[in-house]
Amino acid sequence: MKVLVAYLSQTGNTRRVAEAIYGAIDAQKEIKPLSEVQSLEGYDLAFIGFPIHASNPAGEAKAFLEDKARGKRVALFVTHAAPEDHEEVRGYLENCRCSLNDVQLVGMFDCQGELAQAVIDLLARSDNPKHRQFAEYGPQTKGQPDDTCLERAREFARRVMEECGAS
């Protein structure tokens, strides 16, 4: 089985999760930034990771999924600044699923990532009360994804690989 781990990461959160997933895969594998992936041809499985922006997949990731993942077996991993048990996270994940047209989704993983200070500052100055409230999560996100999240990402990768017949 040939596996690709591809990711979009602006602050390093999603890259760290991608590296944890990559390390847990015991198969022929590659890891690349999403911008370097021209096609999923030749891969039996692709782990695709990206951050959530404004409750949706980051634009580049959404375009990739819509244009290049059709007919492919894909496991998604996403990072977001919300606490993992926050009620809005389910909506984020549903928005990710809606980006998948004719894709065989074999798993989905999410975890909290550290919110960049520039984003915290921008949200705090927003006229939108919901954005200002979200800025308050900033300090709670420091150090995320932590070792516990990264171990959960490894477990996710091993489970997906087993379910896909690689173990």
C-alpha atoms as a PDB file:
ATOM      1  CA  MET A   1       0.000   0.000   0.000  1.00  0.00           C
ATOM      2  CA  LYS A   2       1.288   3.465  -0.907  1.00  0.00           C
ATOM      3  CA  VAL A   3       0.170   6.278   1.405  1.00  0.00           C
ATOM      4  CA  LEU A   4       0.407  10.047   1.120  1.00  0.00           C
ATOM      5  CA  VAL A   5       0.241  12.437   4.049  1.00  0.00           C
ATOM      6  CA  ALA A   6      -0.391  15.924   2.670  1.00  0.00           C
ATOM      7  CA  TYR A   7      -1.041  19.014   4.718  1.00  0.00           C
ATOM      8  CA  LEU A   8      -1.687  22.736   4.624  1.00  0.00           C
ATOM      9  CA  SER A   9      -0.178  24.491   7.637  1.00  0.00           C
ATOM     10  CA  GLN A  10       0.306  28.189   8.183  1.00  0.00           C
ATOM     11  CA  THR A  11       1.458  28.251  11.803  1.00  0.00           C
ATOM     12  CA  GLY A  12       2.840  24.714  12.182  1.00  0.00           C
ATOM     13  CA  ASN A  13      -0.119  23.127  13.999  1.00  0.00           C
ATOM     14  CA  THR A  14      -1.318  20.954  11.122  1.00  0.00           C
ATOM     15  CA  ARG A  15       2.264  20.138  10.087  1.00  0.00           C
ATOM     16  CA  ARG A  16       2.917  18.717  13.581  1.00  0.00           C
ATOM     17  CA  VAL A  17      -0.185  16.523  13.341  1.00  0.00           C
ATOM     18  CA  ALA A  18       0.856  15.429   9.828  1.00  0.00           C
ATOM     19  CA  GLU A  19       4.284  14.408  11.114  1.00  0.00           C
ATOM     20  CA  ALA A  20       2.707  12.395  13.950  1.00  0.00           C
ATOM     21  CA  ILE A  21       0.412  10.598  11.486  1.00  0.00           C
ATOM     22  CA  TYR A  22       3.291   9.980   9.080  1.00  0.00           C
ATOM     23  CA  GLY A  23       5.401   8.491  11.872  1.00  0.00           C
ATOM     24  CA  ALA A  24       2.650   6.026  12.784  1.00  0.00           C
ATOM     25  CA  ILE A  25       2.229   4.633   9.270  1.00  0.00           C
ATOM     26  CA  ASP A  26       3.989   1.356   8.590  1.00  0.00           C
ATOM     27  CA  ALA A  27       3.769   1.258   4.786  1.00  0.00           C
ATOM     28  CA  GLN A  28       5.345   2.860   1.748  1.00  0.00           C
ATOM     29  CA  LYS A  29       4.687   6.531   2.442  1.00  0.00           C
ATOM     30  CA  GLU A  30       5.381  10.137   1.543  1.00  0.00           C
ATOM     31  CA  ILE A  31       4.718  13.410   3.341  1.00  0.00           C
ATOM     32  CA  LYS A  32       4.333  16.705   1.487  1.00  0.00           C
ATOM     33  CA  PRO A  33       2.833  20.138   1.860  1.00  0.00           C
ATOM     34  CA  LEU A  34      -0.492  20.191   0.022  1.00  0.00           C
ATOM     35  CA  SER A  35       0.861  22.811  -2.389  1.00  0.00           C
ATOM     36  CA  GLU A  36       3.378  20.247  -3.702  1.00  0.00           C
ATOM     37  CA  VAL A  37       0.761  17.586  -4.501  1.00  0.00           C
ATOM     38  CA  GLN A  38      -0.246  17.603  -8.143  1.00  0.00           C
ATOM     39  CA  SER A  39      -2.365  14.452  -8.042  1.00  0.00           C
ATOM     40  CA  LEU A  40      -3.405  11.558  -5.822  1.00  0.00           C
ATOM     41  CA  GLU A  41      -2.767   9.077  -8.647  1.00  0.00           C
ATOM     42  CA  GLY A  42      -0.560   6.220  -7.525  1.00  0.00           C
ATOM     43  CA  TYR A  43      -1.613   6.436  -3.871  1.00  0.00           C
ATOM     44  CA  ASP A  44      -3.890   3.858  -2.289  1.00  0.00           C
ATOM     45  CA  LEU A  45      -4.748   6.187   0.585  1.00  0.00           C
ATOM     46  CA  ALA A  46      -4.257   9.886   1.290  1.00  0.00           C
ATOM     47  CA  PHE A  47      -4.313  11.554   4.687  1.00  0.00           C
ATOM     48  CA  ILE A  48      -5.181  15.193   3.956  1.00  0.00           C
ATOM     49  CA  GLY A  49      -4.806  17.800   6.697  1.00  0.00           C
ATOM     50  CA  PHE A  50      -5.657  21.477   6.974  1.00  0.00           C
ATOM     51  CA  PRO A  51      -6.789  24.143   9.406  1.00  0.00           C
ATOM     52  CA  ILE A  52     -10.319  25.398   9.836  1.00  0.00           C
ATOM     53  CA  HIS A  53     -10.817  29.010   8.766  1.00  0.00           C
ATOM     54  CA  ALA A  54     -14.071  30.770   9.645  1.00  0.00           C
ATOM     55  CA  SER A  55     -15.804  27.435  10.387  1.00  0.00           C
ATOM     56  CA  ASN A  56     -14.779  25.901   7.035  1.00  0.00           C
ATOM     57  CA  PRO A  57     -11.841  24.084   5.480  1.00  0.00           C
ATOM     58  CA  ALA A  58      -9.086  26.493   4.485  1.00  0.00           C
ATOM     59  CA  GLY A  59      -9.753  27.606   0.894  1.00  0.00           C
ATOM     60  CA  GLU A  60      -6.727  25.891  -0.647  1.00  0.00           C
ATOM     61  CA  ALA A  61      -7.638  22.604   1.040  1.00  0.00           C
ATOM     62  CA  LYS A  62     -11.272  22.833  -0.018  1.00  0.00           C
ATOM     63  CA  ALA A  63     -10.233  23.436  -3.637  1.00  0.00           C
ATOM     64  CA  PHE A  64      -7.815  20.494  -3.471  1.00  0.00           C
ATOM     65  CA  LEU A  65     -10.489  18.154  -2.131  1.00  0.00           C
ATOM     66  CA  GLU A  66     -13.002  19.256  -4.749  1.00  0.00           C
ATOM     67  CA  ASP A  67     -10.544  19.079  -7.654  1.00  0.00           C
ATOM     68  CA  LYS A  68      -8.115  16.266  -6.869  1.00  0.00           C
ATOM     69  CA  ALA A  69      -9.690  13.853  -4.393  1.00  0.00           C
ATOM     70  CA  ARG A  70     -12.618  12.562  -6.469  1.00  0.00           C
ATOM     71  CA  GLY A  71     -12.797   8.788  -6.462  1.00  0.00           C
ATOM     72  CA  LYS A  72      -9.963   8.498  -3.929  1.00  0.00           C
ATOM     73  CA  ARG A  73      -9.730   6.951  -0.484  1.00  0.00           C
ATOM     74  CA  VAL A  74      -9.090   9.814   1.941  1.00  0.00           C
ATOM     75  CA  ALA A  75      -8.688  10.298   5.679  1.00  0.00           C
ATOM     76  CA  LEU A  76      -9.002  13.898   6.850  1.00  0.00           C
ATOM     77  CA  PHE A  77      -7.256  15.526   9.781  1.00  0.00           C
ATOM     78  CA  VAL A  78      -8.073  19.079  10.766  1.00  0.00           C
ATOM     79  CA  THR A  79      -6.883  21.577  13.320  1.00  0.00           C
ATOM     80  CA  HIS A  80      -8.958  24.352  14.830  1.00  0.00           C
ATOM     81  CA  ALA A  81      -8.657  26.756  17.736  1.00  0.00           C
ATOM     82  CA  ALA A  82     -11.894  25.748  19.460  1.00  0.00           C
ATOM     83  CA  PRO A  83     -11.830  23.410  22.429  1.00  0.00           C
ATOM     84  CA  GLU A  84     -12.442  19.911  21.034  1.00  0.00           C
ATOM     85  CA  ASP A  85     -15.677  19.533  22.993  1.00  0.00           C
ATOM     86  CA  HIS A  86     -17.067  22.888  21.805  1.00  0.00           C
ATOM     87  CA  GLU A  87     -20.495  22.510  20.180  1.00  0.00           C
ATOM     88  CA  GLU A  88     -19.378  24.311  17.001  1.00  0.00           C
ATOM     89  CA  VAL A  89     -16.687  21.732  16.201  1.00  0.00           C
ATOM     90  CA  ARG A  90     -19.331  19.301  14.876  1.00  0.00           C
ATOM     91  CA  GLY A  91     -20.362  22.002  12.393  1.00  0.00           C
ATOM     92  CA  TYR A  92     -16.741  22.511  11.298  1.00  0.00           C
ATOM     93  CA  LEU A  93     -16.407  18.784  10.648  1.00  0.00           C
ATOM     94  CA  GLU A  94     -19.693  18.673   8.751  1.00  0.00           C
ATOM     95  CA  ASN A  95     -18.465  21.551   6.569  1.00  0.00           C
ATOM     96  CA  CYS A  96     -15.373  19.462   5.815  1.00  0.00           C
ATOM     97  CA  ARG A  97     -17.533  16.477   4.829  1.00  0.00           C
ATOM     98  CA  CYS A  98     -19.539  18.746   2.510  1.00  0.00           C
ATOM     99  CA  SER A  99     -16.304  19.493   0.606  1.00  0.00           C
ATOM    100  CA  LEU A 100     -16.007  15.830  -0.341  1.00  0.00           C
ATOM    101  CA  ASN A 101     -17.645  14.965  -3.631  1.00  0.00           C
ATOM    102  CA  ASP A 102     -17.271  11.359  -4.741  1.00  0.00           C
ATOM    103  CA  VAL A 103     -14.572  10.705  -2.125  1.00  0.00           C
ATOM    104  CA  GLN A 104     -14.331   7.554  -0.027  1.00  0.00           C
ATOM    105  CA  LEU A 105     -13.880   9.076   3.443  1.00  0.00           C
ATOM    106  CA  VAL A 106     -12.222   6.431   5.626  1.00  0.00           C
ATOM    107  CA  GLY A 107     -11.721   8.546   8.729  1.00  0.00           C
ATOM    108  CA  MET A 108     -11.649  11.989  10.220  1.00  0.00           C
ATOM    109  CA  PHE A 109      -9.522  13.382  13.035  1.00  0.00           C
ATOM    110  CA  ASP A 110      -9.594  16.804  14.619  1.00  0.00           C
ATOM    111  CA  CYS A 111      -7.689  18.530  17.367  1.00  0.00           C
ATOM    112  CA  GLN A 112      -7.108  21.948  18.776  1.00  0.00           C
ATOM    113  CA  GLY A 113      -4.196  23.975  17.487  1.00  0.00           C
ATOM    114  CA  GLU A 114      -2.615  27.108  18.881  1.00  0.00           C
ATOM    115  CA  LEU A 115      -4.298  30.279  17.711  1.00  0.00           C
ATOM    116  CA  ALA A 116      -1.737  32.713  16.313  1.00  0.00           C
ATOM    117  CA  GLN A 117      -1.449  35.982  18.219  1.00  0.00           C
ATOM    118  CA  ALA A 118      -2.127  38.005  15.066  1.00  0.00           C
ATOM    119  CA  VAL A 119      -5.424  36.149  14.643  1.00  0.00           C
ATOM    120  CA  ILE A 120      -6.312  36.661  18.308  1.00  0.00           C
ATOM    121  CA  ASP A 121      -5.697  40.396  17.903  1.00  0.00           C
ATOM    122  CA  LEU A 122      -7.769  40.563  14.715  1.00  0.00           C
ATOM    123  CA  LEU A 123     -10.676  38.695  16.299  1.00  0.00           C
ATOM    124  CA  ALA A 124     -10.541  40.841  19.432  1.00  0.00           C
ATOM    125  CA  ARG A 125     -10.947  44.014  17.322  1.00  0.00           C
ATOM    126  CA  SER A 126     -13.857  42.622  15.299  1.00  0.00           C
ATOM    127  CA  ASP A 127     -17.303  44.219  15.344  1.00  0.00           C
ATOM    128  CA  ASN A 128     -18.734  40.708  15.471  1.00  0.00           C
ATOM    129  CA  PRO A 129     -19.376  39.642  19.099  1.00  0.00           C
ATOM    130  CA  LYS A 130     -18.893  35.976  18.154  1.00  0.00           C
ATOM    131  CA  HIS A 131     -15.401  36.769  16.810  1.00  0.00           C
ATOM    132  CA  ARG A 132     -14.511  38.695  19.980  1.00  0.00           C
ATOM    133  CA  GLN A 133     -15.692  35.746  22.057  1.00  0.00           C
ATOM    134  CA  PHE A 134     -13.556  33.392  19.971  1.00  0.00           C
ATOM    135  CA  ALA A 135     -10.503  35.608  20.623  1.00  0.00           C
ATOM    136  CA  GLU A 136     -10.913  34.762  24.301  1.00  0.00           C
ATOM    137  CA  TYR A 137      -9.955  31.142  23.504  1.00  0.00           C
ATOM    138  CA  GLY A 138      -6.494  32.314  22.493  1.00  0.00           C
ATOM    139  CA  PRO A 139      -4.709  31.758  25.802  1.00  0.00           C
ATOM    140  CA  GLN A 140      -6.340  28.318  26.180  1.00  0.00           C
ATOM    141  CA  THR A 141      -4.821  27.193  22.883  1.00  0.00           C
ATOM    142  CA  LYS A 142      -1.182  27.797  23.879  1.00  0.00           C
ATOM    143  CA  GLY A 143       0.914  24.694  23.352  1.00  0.00           C
ATOM    144  CA  GLN A 144      -1.659  22.895  21.194  1.00  0.00           C
ATOM    145  CA  PRO A 145      -1.520  20.388  19.678  1.00  0.00           C
ATOM    146  CA  ASP A 146       0.056  18.879  22.777  1.00  0.00           C
ATOM    147  CA  ASP A 147       1.558  15.405  23.209  1.00  0.00           C
ATOM    148  CA  THR A 148      -1.855  13.921  24.020  1.00  0.00           C
ATOM    149  CA  CYS A 149      -3.336  15.255  20.775  1.00  0.00           C
ATOM    150  CA  LEU A 150      -0.364  14.009  18.783  1.00  0.00           C
ATOM    151  CA  GLU A 151      -0.681  10.528  20.298  1.00  0.00           C
ATOM    152  CA  ARG A 152      -4.387  10.516  19.392  1.00  0.00           C
ATOM    153  CA  ALA A 153      -3.339  11.430  15.822  1.00  0.00           C
ATOM    154  CA  ARG A 154      -0.948   8.457  15.757  1.00  0.00           C
ATOM    155  CA  GLU A 155      -3.695   6.165  17.018  1.00  0.00           C
ATOM    156  CA  PHE A 156      -6.027   7.534  14.337  1.00  0.00           C
ATOM    157  CA  ALA A 157      -3.446   6.754  11.641  1.00  0.00           C
ATOM    158  CA  ARG A 158      -2.882   3.217  12.894  1.00  0.00           C
ATOM    159  CA  ARG A 159      -6.651   2.571  13.075  1.00  0.00           C
ATOM    160  CA  VAL A 160      -7.222   3.903   9.538  1.00  0.00           C
ATOM    161  CA  MET A 161      -4.357   1.815   8.196  1.00  0.00           C
ATOM    162  CA  GLU A 162      -5.749  -1.296   9.871  1.00  0.00           C
ATOM    163  CA  GLU A 163      -9.265  -0.638   8.571  1.00  0.00           C
ATOM    164  CA  CYS A 164      -7.855  -0.140   5.080  1.00  0.00           C
ATOM    165  CA  GLY A 165      -6.142  -3.512   5.216  1.00  0.00           C
ATOM    166  CA  ALA A 166      -2.565  -2.349   5.678  1.00  0.00           C
ATOM    167  CA  SER A 167      -1.930  -4.229   8.920  1.00  0.00           C
END
